[in-house]
Amino acid sequence: MVTNLKNQSNVDDNIFPDASSMRIGIIVAEWNSKITDALLEGALDTLKKCNTADENIIVRYVPGSIELTSGAKCLAEFANVDAVVSIGCVIQGDTKHFDYVCQSVTQGITELNIKYPIPFIFAVLTTNNFQQAIDRAGGKHGNKGAECALTAVKMVELKRSF
């Protein structure tokens, strides 16, 4: 997790696991696209460092974070992937909508992890303001997209170890 106390985005290039045999799906919310595009860029960069072939990275888009669960489920069912990274960004506003969106997508991704035999990685920023999102999408707190792509690879490795 990217916080002001710990930044996992800055890892030694020599420790990236080999994902050359992995097929990774990424579902990206179009809402707050300045942030989600930066998170996607971080995820793609990390997957390339892990030797994931371009043809084994499947990127699809949904309108907003609420739709990430449905999009991730489609990737799992129709794209023959080993893991799915769900990228979104929800920024606190003046209404309770933030709470409902965050709760919905969190619960949805959790349920997918329980129902499917592949890992679903939560790469959804839930911030108080736009600056906090920028800081976590390649800014001073690293790139959560990069971290979550690495998490996806490590979780596929864990599954395969059994």
C-alpha atoms as a PDB file:
ATOM      1  CA  MET A   1       0.000   0.000   0.000  1.00  0.00           C
ATOM      2  CA  VAL A   2       1.278   3.458  -0.813  1.00  0.00           C
ATOM      3  CA  THR A   3       1.340   5.716   2.202  1.00  0.00           C
ATOM      4  CA  ASN A   4       3.491   8.555   3.357  1.00  0.00           C
ATOM      5  CA  LEU A   5       5.244   5.995   5.594  1.00  0.00           C
ATOM      6  CA  LYS A   6       5.971   3.329   2.984  1.00  0.00           C
ATOM      7  CA  ASN A   7       6.436   3.408  -0.767  1.00  0.00           C
ATOM      8  CA  GLN A   8       6.603  -0.038  -2.352  1.00  0.00           C
ATOM      9  CA  SER A   9       6.899   1.334  -5.880  1.00  0.00           C
ATOM     10  CA  ASN A  10      10.651   1.793  -5.577  1.00  0.00           C
ATOM     11  CA  VAL A  11      11.811  -1.806  -5.719  1.00  0.00           C
ATOM     12  CA  ASP A  12      15.113  -3.118  -6.964  1.00  0.00           C
ATOM     13  CA  ASP A  13      14.838  -4.020 -10.658  1.00  0.00           C
ATOM     14  CA  ASN A  14      16.593  -7.309  -9.888  1.00  0.00           C
ATOM     15  CA  ILE A  15      13.741  -8.647  -7.739  1.00  0.00           C
ATOM     16  CA  PHE A  16      10.983  -8.623 -10.339  1.00  0.00           C
ATOM     17  CA  PRO A  17       9.565 -12.139 -10.686  1.00  0.00           C
ATOM     18  CA  ASP A  18       9.283 -13.785 -14.088  1.00  0.00           C
ATOM     19  CA  ALA A  19       5.778 -13.434 -15.463  1.00  0.00           C
ATOM     20  CA  SER A  20       6.578 -14.529 -19.007  1.00  0.00           C
ATOM     21  CA  SER A  21       4.087 -17.395 -18.757  1.00  0.00           C
ATOM     22  CA  MET A  22       1.349 -15.313 -17.122  1.00  0.00           C
ATOM     23  CA  ARG A  23      -1.690 -13.700 -18.688  1.00  0.00           C
ATOM     24  CA  ILE A  24      -2.790 -10.620 -16.747  1.00  0.00           C
ATOM     25  CA  GLY A  25      -6.059  -8.738 -17.198  1.00  0.00           C
ATOM     26  CA  ILE A  26      -6.364  -5.087 -16.279  1.00  0.00           C
ATOM     27  CA  ILE A  27      -9.717  -3.353 -16.005  1.00  0.00           C
ATOM     28  CA  VAL A  28      -9.532   0.443 -15.868  1.00  0.00           C
ATOM     29  CA  ALA A  29     -12.181   2.960 -14.836  1.00  0.00           C
ATOM     30  CA  GLU A  30     -12.435   5.912 -17.217  1.00  0.00           C
ATOM     31  CA  TRP A  31     -13.655   8.212 -14.429  1.00  0.00           C
ATOM     32  CA  ASN A  32     -10.749  10.334 -13.120  1.00  0.00           C
ATOM     33  CA  SER A  33      -8.793   9.242 -16.199  1.00  0.00           C
ATOM     34  CA  LYS A  34      -5.789  11.485 -15.459  1.00  0.00           C
ATOM     35  CA  ILE A  35      -5.214   9.303 -12.400  1.00  0.00           C
ATOM     36  CA  THR A  36      -6.306   5.925 -13.777  1.00  0.00           C
ATOM     37  CA  ASP A  37      -4.194   6.382 -16.926  1.00  0.00           C
ATOM     38  CA  ALA A  38      -1.129   7.022 -14.734  1.00  0.00           C
ATOM     39  CA  LEU A  39      -1.937   3.940 -12.627  1.00  0.00           C
ATOM     40  CA  LEU A  40      -2.294   1.868 -15.805  1.00  0.00           C
ATOM     41  CA  GLU A  41       1.054   3.159 -17.078  1.00  0.00           C
ATOM     42  CA  GLY A  42       2.689   2.073 -13.800  1.00  0.00           C
ATOM     43  CA  ALA A  43       1.059  -1.360 -14.015  1.00  0.00           C
ATOM     44  CA  LEU A  44       2.139  -1.893 -17.619  1.00  0.00           C
ATOM     45  CA  ASP A  45       5.700  -0.789 -16.854  1.00  0.00           C
ATOM     46  CA  THR A  46       5.907  -3.277 -13.983  1.00  0.00           C
ATOM     47  CA  LEU A  47       4.488  -6.135 -16.043  1.00  0.00           C
ATOM     48  CA  LYS A  48       7.070  -5.454 -18.739  1.00  0.00           C
ATOM     49  CA  LYS A  49       9.819  -5.536 -16.083  1.00  0.00           C
ATOM     50  CA  CYS A  50       8.428  -8.962 -15.142  1.00  0.00           C
ATOM     51  CA  ASN A  51       8.783 -10.100 -18.795  1.00  0.00           C
ATOM     52  CA  THR A  52       5.050 -10.311 -19.435  1.00  0.00           C
ATOM     53  CA  ALA A  53       4.517 -10.417 -23.198  1.00  0.00           C
ATOM     54  CA  ASP A  54       2.368  -7.633 -24.657  1.00  0.00           C
ATOM     55  CA  GLU A  55      -0.097 -10.178 -26.014  1.00  0.00           C
ATOM     56  CA  ASN A  56      -0.528 -11.559 -22.476  1.00  0.00           C
ATOM     57  CA  ILE A  57      -1.673  -8.226 -21.064  1.00  0.00           C
ATOM     58  CA  ILE A  58      -5.365  -7.613 -21.675  1.00  0.00           C
ATOM     59  CA  VAL A  59      -6.565  -4.076 -20.924  1.00  0.00           C
ATOM     60  CA  ARG A  60     -10.239  -3.155 -20.974  1.00  0.00           C
ATOM     61  CA  TYR A  61     -12.127  -0.061 -19.810  1.00  0.00           C
ATOM     62  CA  VAL A  62     -15.324   0.581 -17.877  1.00  0.00           C
ATOM     63  CA  PRO A  63     -17.027   3.943 -17.259  1.00  0.00           C
ATOM     64  CA  GLY A  64     -16.396   4.185 -13.516  1.00  0.00           C
ATOM     65  CA  SER A  65     -15.231   2.399 -10.396  1.00  0.00           C
ATOM     66  CA  ILE A  66     -18.650   0.857  -9.688  1.00  0.00           C
ATOM     67  CA  GLU A  67     -18.349  -1.020 -12.985  1.00  0.00           C
ATOM     68  CA  LEU A  68     -14.907  -2.447 -12.146  1.00  0.00           C
ATOM     69  CA  THR A  69     -16.417  -5.529 -10.500  1.00  0.00           C
ATOM     70  CA  SER A  70     -18.455  -6.424 -13.573  1.00  0.00           C
ATOM     71  CA  GLY A  71     -15.542  -5.715 -15.899  1.00  0.00           C
ATOM     72  CA  ALA A  72     -13.164  -7.788 -13.778  1.00  0.00           C
ATOM     73  CA  LYS A  73     -15.654 -10.655 -13.795  1.00  0.00           C
ATOM     74  CA  CYS A  74     -15.842 -10.473 -17.609  1.00  0.00           C
ATOM     75  CA  LEU A  75     -12.050 -10.654 -17.856  1.00  0.00           C
ATOM     76  CA  ALA A  76     -12.037 -13.690 -15.580  1.00  0.00           C
ATOM     77  CA  GLU A  77     -14.761 -15.473 -17.529  1.00  0.00           C
ATOM     78  CA  PHE A  78     -13.878 -14.594 -21.111  1.00  0.00           C
ATOM     79  CA  ALA A  79     -10.182 -13.654 -21.340  1.00  0.00           C
ATOM     80  CA  ASN A  80      -8.490 -16.714 -19.821  1.00  0.00           C
ATOM     81  CA  VAL A  81      -6.344 -14.642 -17.443  1.00  0.00           C
ATOM     82  CA  ASP A  82      -4.272 -15.720 -14.452  1.00  0.00           C
ATOM     83  CA  ALA A  83      -5.079 -12.549 -12.474  1.00  0.00           C
ATOM     84  CA  VAL A  84      -7.067  -9.328 -12.801  1.00  0.00           C
ATOM     85  CA  VAL A  85      -5.956  -5.881 -11.651  1.00  0.00           C
ATOM     86  CA  SER A  86      -8.834  -3.431 -11.120  1.00  0.00           C
ATOM     87  CA  ILE A  87      -7.737   0.198 -11.505  1.00  0.00           C
ATOM     88  CA  GLY A  88      -9.907   3.065 -10.355  1.00  0.00           C
ATOM     89  CA  CYS A  89      -9.946   6.312  -8.435  1.00  0.00           C
ATOM     90  CA  VAL A  90     -12.670   7.624  -6.145  1.00  0.00           C
ATOM     91  CA  ILE A  91     -12.173  11.108  -4.711  1.00  0.00           C
ATOM     92  CA  GLN A  92     -14.175  12.376  -1.729  1.00  0.00           C
ATOM     93  CA  GLY A  93     -16.817  14.919  -2.660  1.00  0.00           C
ATOM     94  CA  ASP A  94     -19.496  16.802  -0.774  1.00  0.00           C
ATOM     95  CA  THR A  95     -21.966  13.911  -0.640  1.00  0.00           C
ATOM     96  CA  LYS A  96     -22.084  10.352   0.673  1.00  0.00           C
ATOM     97  CA  HIS A  97     -21.712   9.019  -2.882  1.00  0.00           C
ATOM     98  CA  PHE A  98     -17.990   8.465  -2.166  1.00  0.00           C
ATOM     99  CA  ASP A  99     -18.850   6.063   0.654  1.00  0.00           C
ATOM    100  CA  TYR A 100     -21.264   4.037  -1.451  1.00  0.00           C
ATOM    101  CA  VAL A 101     -18.896   3.753  -4.408  1.00  0.00           C
ATOM    102  CA  CYS A 102     -15.951   2.751  -2.200  1.00  0.00           C
ATOM    103  CA  GLN A 103     -18.014   0.177  -0.316  1.00  0.00           C
ATOM    104  CA  SER A 104     -19.476  -1.268  -3.516  1.00  0.00           C
ATOM    105  CA  VAL A 105     -16.196  -1.734  -5.383  1.00  0.00           C
ATOM    106  CA  THR A 106     -14.376  -3.026  -2.305  1.00  0.00           C
ATOM    107  CA  GLN A 107     -17.072  -5.605  -1.601  1.00  0.00           C
ATOM    108  CA  GLY A 108     -17.313  -6.529  -5.288  1.00  0.00           C
ATOM    109  CA  ILE A 109     -13.594  -7.224  -5.688  1.00  0.00           C
ATOM    110  CA  THR A 110     -13.578  -9.153  -2.404  1.00  0.00           C
ATOM    111  CA  GLU A 111     -16.448 -11.344  -3.611  1.00  0.00           C
ATOM    112  CA  LEU A 112     -14.653 -12.061  -6.885  1.00  0.00           C
ATOM    113  CA  ASN A 113     -11.604 -13.221  -4.919  1.00  0.00           C
ATOM    114  CA  ILE A 114     -13.816 -15.646  -3.025  1.00  0.00           C
ATOM    115  CA  LYS A 115     -15.781 -16.948  -6.028  1.00  0.00           C
ATOM    116  CA  TYR A 116     -13.043 -17.362  -8.630  1.00  0.00           C
ATOM    117  CA  PRO A 117      -9.821 -19.398  -8.561  1.00  0.00           C
ATOM    118  CA  ILE A 118      -7.696 -16.429  -9.691  1.00  0.00           C
ATOM    119  CA  PRO A 119      -6.540 -13.348  -7.768  1.00  0.00           C
ATOM    120  CA  PHE A 120      -8.327 -10.031  -8.213  1.00  0.00           C
ATOM    121  CA  ILE A 121      -6.122  -7.137  -7.168  1.00  0.00           C
ATOM    122  CA  PHE A 122      -7.630  -3.934  -5.760  1.00  0.00           C
ATOM    123  CA  ALA A 123      -5.874  -0.942  -7.344  1.00  0.00           C
ATOM    124  CA  VAL A 124      -8.532   1.618  -6.519  1.00  0.00           C
ATOM    125  CA  LEU A 125      -7.413   4.858  -4.941  1.00  0.00           C
ATOM    126  CA  THR A 126      -9.871   6.227  -2.395  1.00  0.00           C
ATOM    127  CA  THR A 127      -8.582   9.675  -1.535  1.00  0.00           C
ATOM    128  CA  ASN A 128      -9.789  12.822   0.161  1.00  0.00           C
ATOM    129  CA  ASN A 129      -8.690  15.062  -2.707  1.00  0.00           C
ATOM    130  CA  PHE A 130      -7.167  15.131  -6.170  1.00  0.00           C
ATOM    131  CA  GLN A 131      -3.666  15.918  -4.904  1.00  0.00           C
ATOM    132  CA  GLN A 132      -3.619  12.752  -2.785  1.00  0.00           C
ATOM    133  CA  ALA A 133      -4.554  10.778  -5.894  1.00  0.00           C
ATOM    134  CA  ILE A 134      -1.752  12.405  -7.926  1.00  0.00           C
ATOM    135  CA  ASP A 135       0.701  11.610  -5.139  1.00  0.00           C
ATOM    136  CA  ARG A 136      -0.230   7.904  -5.385  1.00  0.00           C
ATOM    137  CA  ALA A 137      -0.381   7.695  -9.181  1.00  0.00           C
ATOM    138  CA  GLY A 138       3.291   8.305  -9.868  1.00  0.00           C
ATOM    139  CA  GLY A 139       3.829  11.204  -7.489  1.00  0.00           C
ATOM    140  CA  LYS A 140       5.670  11.441  -4.208  1.00  0.00           C
ATOM    141  CA  HIS A 141       4.071   8.290  -2.792  1.00  0.00           C
ATOM    142  CA  GLY A 142       4.879   6.089  -5.791  1.00  0.00           C
ATOM    143  CA  ASN A 143       2.454   4.404  -8.164  1.00  0.00           C
ATOM    144  CA  LYS A 144      -0.171   2.080  -6.763  1.00  0.00           C
ATOM    145  CA  GLY A 145      -0.749   0.661 -10.259  1.00  0.00           C
ATOM    146  CA  ALA A 146       2.858  -0.537 -10.353  1.00  0.00           C
ATOM    147  CA  GLU A 147       2.554  -2.048  -6.887  1.00  0.00           C
ATOM    148  CA  CYS A 148      -0.684  -3.829  -7.736  1.00  0.00           C
ATOM    149  CA  ALA A 149       0.721  -5.309 -10.936  1.00  0.00           C
ATOM    150  CA  LEU A 150       3.600  -6.731  -8.908  1.00  0.00           C
ATOM    151  CA  THR A 151       1.065  -8.043  -6.384  1.00  0.00           C
ATOM    152  CA  ALA A 152      -0.828  -9.785  -9.199  1.00  0.00           C
ATOM    153  CA  VAL A 153       2.327 -11.541 -10.388  1.00  0.00           C
ATOM    154  CA  LYS A 154       3.240 -12.590  -6.852  1.00  0.00           C
ATOM    155  CA  MET A 155      -0.251 -13.943  -6.217  1.00  0.00           C
ATOM    156  CA  VAL A 156      -0.166 -15.991  -9.429  1.00  0.00           C
ATOM    157  CA  GLU A 157       3.202 -17.361  -8.297  1.00  0.00           C
ATOM    158  CA  LEU A 158       1.687 -18.242  -4.918  1.00  0.00           C
ATOM    159  CA  LYS A 159      -1.229 -20.051  -6.545  1.00  0.00           C
ATOM    160  CA  ARG A 160       1.079 -21.966  -8.846  1.00  0.00           C
ATOM    161  CA  SER A 161       3.274 -22.979  -5.913  1.00  0.00           C
ATOM    162  CA  PHE A 162       0.467 -25.172  -4.617  1.00  0.00           C
END
